[in-house]
Amino acid sequence: MAESKARIGILGASGYTGGEALRILLSHPRVEIRALTAERHAGKPLAQVWPQFFGIDLPNLVKIEEVDTGSLDLVFAALPHGTTQTVIKNLLEKKPELKIVDISADFRLHDPVAYEEWYGHAHQAVELQKEAVYGITELYRDEVKKARLVANPGCYTTTSILAIVPLLEAGAIDTDSIVIDSKSGMTGAGRAAREEMLFSEVSEGFHAYGVGRHRHMSELDQEFSLAAKRKVVPSFTPHLVPMNRGIYATHYVKGDGKTGAEQIHKILADYYKNEAFIQVLDFGRVPQSRHVRGTNFVQIGVVADRTPGRAIVISTLDNLVKGASGQAVQNMNLMLGFPETEGLMQRAMFP
């Protein structure tokens, strides 16, 4: 008898992360797509919204309220921030054993007070917020395996947490002088039509935004502080660059007085030596975003700064894959007992 497949739903299938989750799952041998939602496009065939999926037998888009929760094993929630809390609460009331990977920011922060401070309103599902596992797979693998609700991390935060947390855990860097200069492709801003996202507005240049206060700072503060076992507040500045995909983060760190750049490289290389998706390059080699485009891989490089005792740690990933839907599928694999790398080993689309 053929092995039964996991029944999957994607809420918000018309957005970039929902569409990317679908693209990845179509090549996954252990799942079948049972439900796809899009409030504005309800009733339409998916190919009207995503022409690249033309000719594939998939469910039509429906409203969330029309989804038969009982027919699903796991749901990806690729919905706008602030709207997901009530949706997930309602889903779990209907089917408590349902597993959910939330790709929005709604369950990423452990502290309800911090959530209200950064997102401007009280959390609408506080009990679930306490339950949610922060889904950096490489750091919280055991917790993800047992979770009912996983909060998929942000793309900027995944890029920097993977590069910096091992150094904080090792006590190898000064916690008060971490500077992060990070750049994102356009898809990080979502698919909604906005004047400032027109081609003529963003091409042939790039700019910083959210300077001094970007919501992803809250995730960095949370995870860096947990790793260091003390309060850590890094300096973080995001930039928008005119490319479709990618996060490229340059981290400036200072050793603890005994740890130089080569030791920092060794800490990272040892930490990730058995990880399928984290590639720590040879010392002195600089990663490029194009070499991870379309993949679930992260590349990390370490270079010595000209100032003694300082190092430059550069990491890059695809914001739609490892920074969102690929990591979500990686977490799904663990939650459903599948091999962690299933459906995720495709290499970069280069050149």
Protein backbone atom coordinates (compact mmCIF):
# COMPACT_ATOMS: atom_id res chain seq x y z
CA MET A 1 0.00 0.00 0.00
CA ALA A 2 1.28 3.47 -0.91
CA GLU A 3 2.25 5.67 2.03
CA SER A 4 -0.41 8.29 2.73
CA LYS A 5 0.63 11.88 2.23
CA ALA A 6 0.29 14.77 4.66
CA ARG A 7 -2.63 17.04 3.80
CA ILE A 8 -1.50 20.66 3.59
CA GLY A 9 -3.26 24.01 3.44
CA ILE A 10 -1.72 27.38 2.55
CA LEU A 11 -3.48 30.47 3.90
CA GLY A 12 -2.55 33.53 1.88
CA ALA A 13 -1.51 31.64 -1.25
CA SER A 14 -1.60 34.76 -3.44
CA GLY A 15 1.32 36.47 -1.66
CA TYR A 16 5.02 35.92 -2.24
CA THR A 17 5.62 33.63 0.74
CA GLY A 18 2.45 31.63 0.07
CA GLY A 19 3.37 31.19 -3.57
CA GLU A 20 6.91 30.22 -2.66
CA ALA A 21 5.68 27.64 -0.15
CA LEU A 22 3.53 26.14 -2.90
CA ARG A 23 6.45 26.08 -5.36
CA ILE A 24 8.58 24.15 -2.88
CA LEU A 25 5.81 21.78 -1.79
CA LEU A 26 4.97 20.78 -5.37
CA SER A 27 8.31 18.96 -5.44
CA HIS A 28 7.87 17.41 -2.00
CA PRO A 29 7.13 13.67 -2.22
CA ARG A 30 5.28 13.36 1.12
CA VAL A 31 2.60 16.06 0.90
CA GLU A 32 -0.50 16.95 -1.06
CA ILE A 33 -2.09 20.39 -1.32
CA ARG A 34 -5.68 20.30 -0.08
CA ALA A 35 -6.55 23.98 0.46
CA LEU A 36 -5.38 27.37 -0.85
CA THR A 37 -6.84 30.66 0.37
CA ALA A 38 -6.79 34.24 -0.90
CA GLU A 39 -9.49 36.58 0.31
CA ARG A 40 -9.46 38.98 -2.68
CA HIS A 41 -9.10 36.21 -5.24
CA ALA A 42 -11.51 33.67 -3.75
CA GLY A 43 -13.21 31.55 -6.39
CA LYS A 44 -10.40 31.89 -8.93
CA PRO A 45 -8.16 29.11 -10.23
CA LEU A 46 -4.68 29.53 -8.79
CA ALA A 47 -3.15 29.97 -12.26
CA GLN A 48 -5.02 33.26 -12.64
CA VAL A 49 -2.99 34.62 -9.73
CA TRP A 50 0.24 32.63 -10.31
CA PRO A 51 0.56 31.79 -14.04
CA GLN A 52 3.68 29.70 -13.38
CA PHE A 53 1.43 27.02 -11.89
CA PHE A 54 -0.70 26.67 -15.04
CA GLY A 55 -1.54 23.06 -15.91
CA ILE A 56 -1.13 21.73 -12.35
CA ASP A 57 -4.16 20.16 -10.70
CA LEU A 58 -4.64 22.33 -7.60
CA PRO A 59 -7.63 23.46 -5.52
CA ASN A 60 -9.23 26.78 -6.43
CA LEU A 61 -8.60 29.71 -4.13
CA VAL A 62 -11.17 30.12 -1.35
CA LYS A 63 -11.77 32.33 1.69
CA ILE A 64 -10.32 31.12 4.99
CA GLU A 65 -13.78 30.50 6.45
CA GLU A 66 -14.47 28.03 3.64
CA VAL A 67 -11.53 25.77 4.48
CA ASP A 68 -12.41 22.34 5.85
CA THR A 69 -9.99 22.28 8.78
CA GLY A 70 -10.78 18.64 9.50
CA SER A 71 -9.30 17.58 6.18
CA LEU A 72 -5.86 19.06 6.93
CA ASP A 73 -2.82 17.89 8.89
CA LEU A 74 -0.78 21.10 8.71
CA VAL A 75 -1.37 24.67 7.63
CA PHE A 76 1.07 27.36 6.51
CA ALA A 77 -0.23 30.80 7.51
CA ALA A 78 1.25 33.28 5.03
CA LEU A 79 -1.01 36.14 6.07
CA PRO A 80 -0.31 39.83 6.83
CA HIS A 81 1.07 40.67 10.26
CA GLY A 82 -1.61 41.46 12.82
CA THR A 83 -4.33 39.38 11.16
CA THR A 84 -2.96 35.92 11.86
CA GLN A 85 -3.53 35.67 15.62
CA THR A 86 -7.30 35.38 15.50
CA VAL A 87 -7.22 33.15 12.41
CA ILE A 88 -4.89 30.65 14.07
CA LYS A 89 -6.80 30.77 17.33
CA ASN A 90 -10.01 29.90 15.46
CA LEU A 91 -8.34 27.09 13.51
CA LEU A 92 -7.01 25.45 16.66
CA GLU A 93 -10.37 25.76 18.40
CA LYS A 94 -11.89 23.80 15.51
CA LYS A 95 -9.10 21.22 15.39
CA PRO A 96 -6.70 21.27 18.38
CA GLU A 97 -4.38 18.65 16.84
CA LEU A 98 -3.82 20.73 13.69
CA LYS A 99 -0.18 21.76 13.19
CA ILE A 100 0.58 25.29 12.03
CA VAL A 101 3.65 27.08 10.70
CA ASP A 102 3.03 30.82 10.90
CA ILE A 103 5.13 32.76 8.39
CA SER A 104 3.90 36.14 9.69
CA ALA A 105 5.43 37.95 12.66
CA ASP A 106 2.49 37.39 14.98
CA PHE A 107 3.95 34.70 17.28
CA ARG A 108 7.68 35.41 17.08
CA LEU A 109 8.04 37.42 20.28
CA HIS A 110 7.77 35.57 23.60
CA ASP A 111 6.83 38.65 25.62
CA PRO A 112 3.30 40.07 25.04
CA VAL A 113 4.49 43.46 26.29
CA ALA A 114 7.28 43.52 23.71
CA TYR A 115 4.80 42.52 21.01
CA GLU A 116 2.49 45.40 21.90
CA GLU A 117 5.41 47.84 21.98
CA TRP A 118 6.72 46.87 18.52
CA TYR A 119 3.45 46.15 16.72
CA GLY A 120 1.20 48.78 18.26
CA HIS A 121 -1.63 46.62 19.60
CA ALA A 122 -2.25 43.96 22.22
CA HIS A 123 -1.78 40.34 21.18
CA GLN A 124 -5.09 38.62 20.49
CA ALA A 125 -3.97 35.07 21.34
CA VAL A 126 -1.65 35.35 24.33
CA GLU A 127 -1.93 31.69 25.39
CA LEU A 128 -0.88 30.57 21.92
CA GLN A 129 1.93 33.12 21.92
CA LYS A 130 3.33 31.39 25.02
CA GLU A 131 3.11 28.03 23.27
CA ALA A 132 4.67 29.03 19.94
CA VAL A 133 8.19 27.79 19.18
CA TYR A 134 10.52 30.25 17.46
CA GLY A 135 11.43 28.37 14.31
CA ILE A 136 15.12 28.86 13.62
CA THR A 137 15.41 25.18 12.86
CA GLU A 138 19.11 24.79 13.54
CA LEU A 139 18.77 26.32 17.01
CA TYR A 140 15.42 24.92 18.15
CA ARG A 141 15.23 21.60 16.35
CA ASP A 142 14.08 19.54 19.34
CA GLU A 143 11.37 22.04 20.28
CA VAL A 144 10.12 22.26 16.67
CA LYS A 145 9.73 18.49 16.49
CA LYS A 146 7.23 18.56 19.36
CA ALA A 147 5.46 21.80 18.45
CA ARG A 148 1.89 22.37 17.40
CA LEU A 149 2.56 26.01 16.47
CA VAL A 150 5.85 27.24 15.02
CA ALA A 151 6.56 30.96 14.54
CA ASN A 152 8.70 31.14 11.42
CA PRO A 153 11.36 33.85 11.91
CA GLY A 154 11.86 36.95 9.81
CA CYS A 155 14.26 36.97 6.87
CA TYR A 156 16.57 39.66 8.25
CA THR A 157 16.62 37.97 11.64
CA THR A 158 17.33 34.48 10.31
CA THR A 159 20.33 35.86 8.41
CA SER A 160 21.82 37.55 11.46
CA ILE A 161 20.83 35.09 14.17
CA LEU A 162 22.55 32.22 12.36
CA ALA A 163 25.71 34.32 12.00
CA ILE A 164 25.89 35.78 15.51
CA VAL A 165 24.18 33.47 18.03
CA PRO A 166 26.98 30.83 18.04
CA LEU A 167 29.47 33.60 18.87
CA LEU A 168 27.29 34.88 21.70
CA GLU A 169 26.79 31.40 23.11
CA ALA A 170 30.57 30.93 23.10
CA GLY A 171 31.14 34.30 24.80
CA ALA A 172 33.51 35.12 21.94
CA ILE A 173 32.41 38.67 21.10
CA ASP A 174 31.65 41.93 22.87
CA THR A 175 27.88 42.07 23.28
CA ASP A 176 27.80 45.89 23.33
CA SER A 177 29.39 46.58 19.95
CA ILE A 178 27.50 44.44 17.40
CA VAL A 179 26.72 46.42 14.24
CA ILE A 180 24.53 44.91 11.49
CA ASP A 181 24.30 46.42 8.00
CA SER A 182 21.67 44.39 6.15
CA LYS A 183 20.17 44.58 2.66
CA SER A 184 17.01 43.00 1.27
CA GLY A 185 15.57 42.32 -2.16
CA MET A 186 12.22 43.78 -3.17
CA THR A 187 10.13 40.71 -2.40
CA GLY A 188 10.78 41.32 1.29
CA ALA A 189 8.30 44.21 1.04
CA GLY A 190 5.43 41.93 -0.03
CA ARG A 191 3.30 41.80 -3.16
CA ALA A 192 0.83 44.64 -2.51
CA ALA A 193 0.84 47.45 -5.08
CA ARG A 194 2.45 50.57 -3.60
CA GLU A 195 3.74 53.71 -5.26
CA GLU A 196 7.11 53.58 -3.51
CA MET A 197 7.67 50.06 -4.87
CA LEU A 198 7.27 50.97 -8.55
CA PHE A 199 10.24 50.04 -10.74
CA SER A 200 10.99 53.70 -11.49
CA GLU A 201 10.98 54.49 -7.76
CA VAL A 202 13.47 51.81 -6.66
CA SER A 203 15.71 50.96 -9.62
CA GLU A 204 19.22 52.38 -10.09
CA GLY A 205 19.80 53.03 -6.42
CA PHE A 206 19.18 51.75 -2.92
CA HIS A 207 18.26 53.24 0.43
CA ALA A 208 18.02 52.57 4.13
CA TYR A 209 14.63 52.39 5.82
CA GLY A 210 13.29 51.73 9.30
CA VAL A 211 16.46 53.43 10.51
CA GLY A 212 16.81 53.25 14.27
CA ARG A 213 13.59 51.29 14.73
CA HIS A 214 12.70 48.31 12.54
CA ARG A 215 10.41 45.57 13.83
CA HIS A 216 12.99 42.85 13.25
CA MET A 217 15.12 44.49 15.94
CA SER A 218 12.77 42.97 18.51
CA GLU A 219 13.58 39.45 17.32
CA LEU A 220 17.31 40.18 17.32
CA ASP A 221 17.12 41.56 20.86
CA GLN A 222 15.19 38.48 22.01
CA GLU A 223 17.42 35.83 20.47
CA PHE A 224 20.77 37.56 21.03
CA SER A 225 19.89 38.12 24.69
CA LEU A 226 18.87 34.48 25.16
CA ALA A 227 22.15 33.32 23.61
CA ALA A 228 24.31 35.69 25.67
CA LYS A 229 22.29 35.23 28.89
CA ARG A 230 22.22 39.01 29.28
CA LYS A 231 20.53 41.92 27.55
CA VAL A 232 21.95 42.53 24.06
CA VAL A 233 20.80 45.42 21.86
CA PRO A 234 22.59 45.34 18.49
CA SER A 235 22.74 48.25 16.08
CA PHE A 236 20.75 47.21 12.98
CA THR A 237 20.04 49.11 9.76
CA PRO A 238 18.06 47.54 6.89
CA HIS A 239 18.33 48.65 3.27
CA LEU A 240 16.22 47.98 0.18
CA VAL A 241 18.15 47.04 -2.94
CA PRO A 242 16.72 46.64 -6.49
CA MET A 243 16.92 42.86 -6.77
CA ASN A 244 14.04 40.42 -6.48
CA ARG A 245 15.46 38.01 -3.91
CA GLY A 246 18.06 37.90 -1.20
CA ILE A 247 19.27 39.14 2.17
CA TYR A 248 22.90 40.19 2.51
CA ALA A 249 24.01 41.04 6.04
CA THR A 250 27.40 42.40 7.07
CA HIS A 251 28.12 42.12 10.80
CA TYR A 252 30.90 44.04 12.51
CA VAL A 253 31.96 42.37 15.74
CA LYS A 254 34.69 42.80 18.33
CA GLY A 255 36.37 39.83 19.92
CA ASP A 256 36.34 39.35 23.67
CA GLY A 257 40.04 40.29 23.91
CA LYS A 258 41.27 36.73 23.45
CA THR A 259 39.31 35.79 20.31
CA GLY A 260 40.44 36.95 16.88
CA ALA A 261 38.83 36.62 13.45
CA GLU A 262 40.25 33.16 12.77
CA GLN A 263 38.90 31.87 16.08
CA ILE A 264 35.51 33.41 15.26
CA HIS A 265 35.55 31.56 11.94
CA LYS A 266 36.41 28.30 13.71
CA ILE A 267 33.54 28.71 16.19
CA LEU A 268 31.06 29.10 13.33
CA ALA A 269 32.57 26.30 11.24
CA ASP A 270 32.48 23.88 14.19
CA TYR A 271 28.96 24.92 15.21
CA TYR A 272 27.52 24.22 11.75
CA LYS A 273 29.74 21.37 10.57
CA ASN A 274 26.85 18.88 10.60
CA GLU A 275 24.14 21.23 9.32
CA ALA A 276 22.81 20.51 5.83
CA PHE A 277 21.85 24.08 4.97
CA ILE A 278 24.52 26.24 6.64
CA GLN A 279 27.73 26.65 4.64
CA VAL A 280 30.61 28.36 6.42
CA LEU A 281 33.08 29.32 3.70
CA ASP A 282 36.85 29.11 4.01
CA PHE A 283 38.36 31.86 6.14
CA GLY A 284 38.67 35.11 4.20
CA ARG A 285 36.17 34.12 1.51
CA VAL A 286 33.19 36.43 0.98
CA PRO A 287 29.73 34.96 0.16
CA GLN A 288 27.50 36.29 -2.62
CA SER A 289 23.71 36.40 -2.60
CA ARG A 290 23.50 35.01 -6.14
CA HIS A 291 25.03 31.75 -4.94
CA VAL A 292 22.05 30.96 -2.69
CA ARG A 293 19.28 32.38 -4.89
CA GLY A 294 16.24 30.08 -4.93
CA THR A 295 17.72 27.76 -2.28
CA ASN A 296 17.33 26.95 1.41
CA PHE A 297 21.08 27.39 1.96
CA VAL A 298 22.86 30.04 4.00
CA GLN A 299 26.45 31.04 3.26
CA ILE A 300 28.59 32.65 5.94
CA GLY A 301 32.02 34.19 5.50
CA VAL A 302 34.46 35.63 8.05
CA VAL A 303 37.16 38.19 7.23
CA ALA A 304 39.61 39.87 9.58
CA ASP A 305 39.07 43.60 10.01
CA ARG A 306 42.14 45.82 9.73
CA THR A 307 41.53 46.86 13.33
CA PRO A 308 43.08 44.21 15.60
CA GLY A 309 40.54 42.14 17.50
CA ARG A 310 37.66 42.95 15.16
CA ALA A 311 36.06 40.71 12.51
CA ILE A 312 33.56 41.09 9.70
CA VAL A 313 31.00 38.28 9.52
CA ILE A 314 28.92 38.23 6.32
CA SER A 315 25.88 36.03 5.78
CA THR A 316 23.45 35.69 2.92
CA LEU A 317 20.28 33.76 2.12
CA ASP A 318 17.23 33.87 -0.13
CA ASN A 319 14.61 35.86 1.78
CA LEU A 320 11.72 33.86 0.27
CA VAL A 321 13.26 30.43 0.90
CA LYS A 322 15.48 30.07 4.00
CA GLY A 323 14.24 33.50 5.09
CA ALA A 324 10.58 32.44 4.87
CA SER A 325 8.91 29.54 3.06
CA GLY A 326 11.88 27.19 2.77
CA GLN A 327 12.56 27.37 6.48
CA ALA A 328 8.81 26.90 6.99
CA VAL A 329 8.97 23.65 4.99
CA GLN A 330 12.09 22.63 6.94
CA ASN A 331 10.09 23.12 10.14
CA MET A 332 7.11 21.26 8.65
CA ASN A 333 9.37 18.29 7.91
CA LEU A 334 10.36 18.08 11.57
CA MET A 335 6.82 18.58 12.84
CA LEU A 336 5.50 15.76 10.65
CA GLY A 337 8.42 13.39 11.23
CA PHE A 338 9.85 13.65 7.70
CA PRO A 339 13.57 13.90 6.86
CA GLU A 340 14.49 17.52 7.54
CA THR A 341 15.98 18.13 4.08
CA GLU A 342 13.07 16.59 2.14
CA GLY A 343 12.13 18.75 -0.86
CA LEU A 344 14.72 21.41 -0.04
CA MET A 345 18.03 20.39 -1.57
CA GLN A 346 17.81 22.28 -4.86
CA ARG A 347 20.90 24.37 -5.62
CA ALA A 348 21.15 27.99 -6.68
CA MET A 349 19.78 29.38 -9.92
CA PHE A 350 23.09 30.81 -11.13
CA PRO A 351 23.87 32.75 -13.23
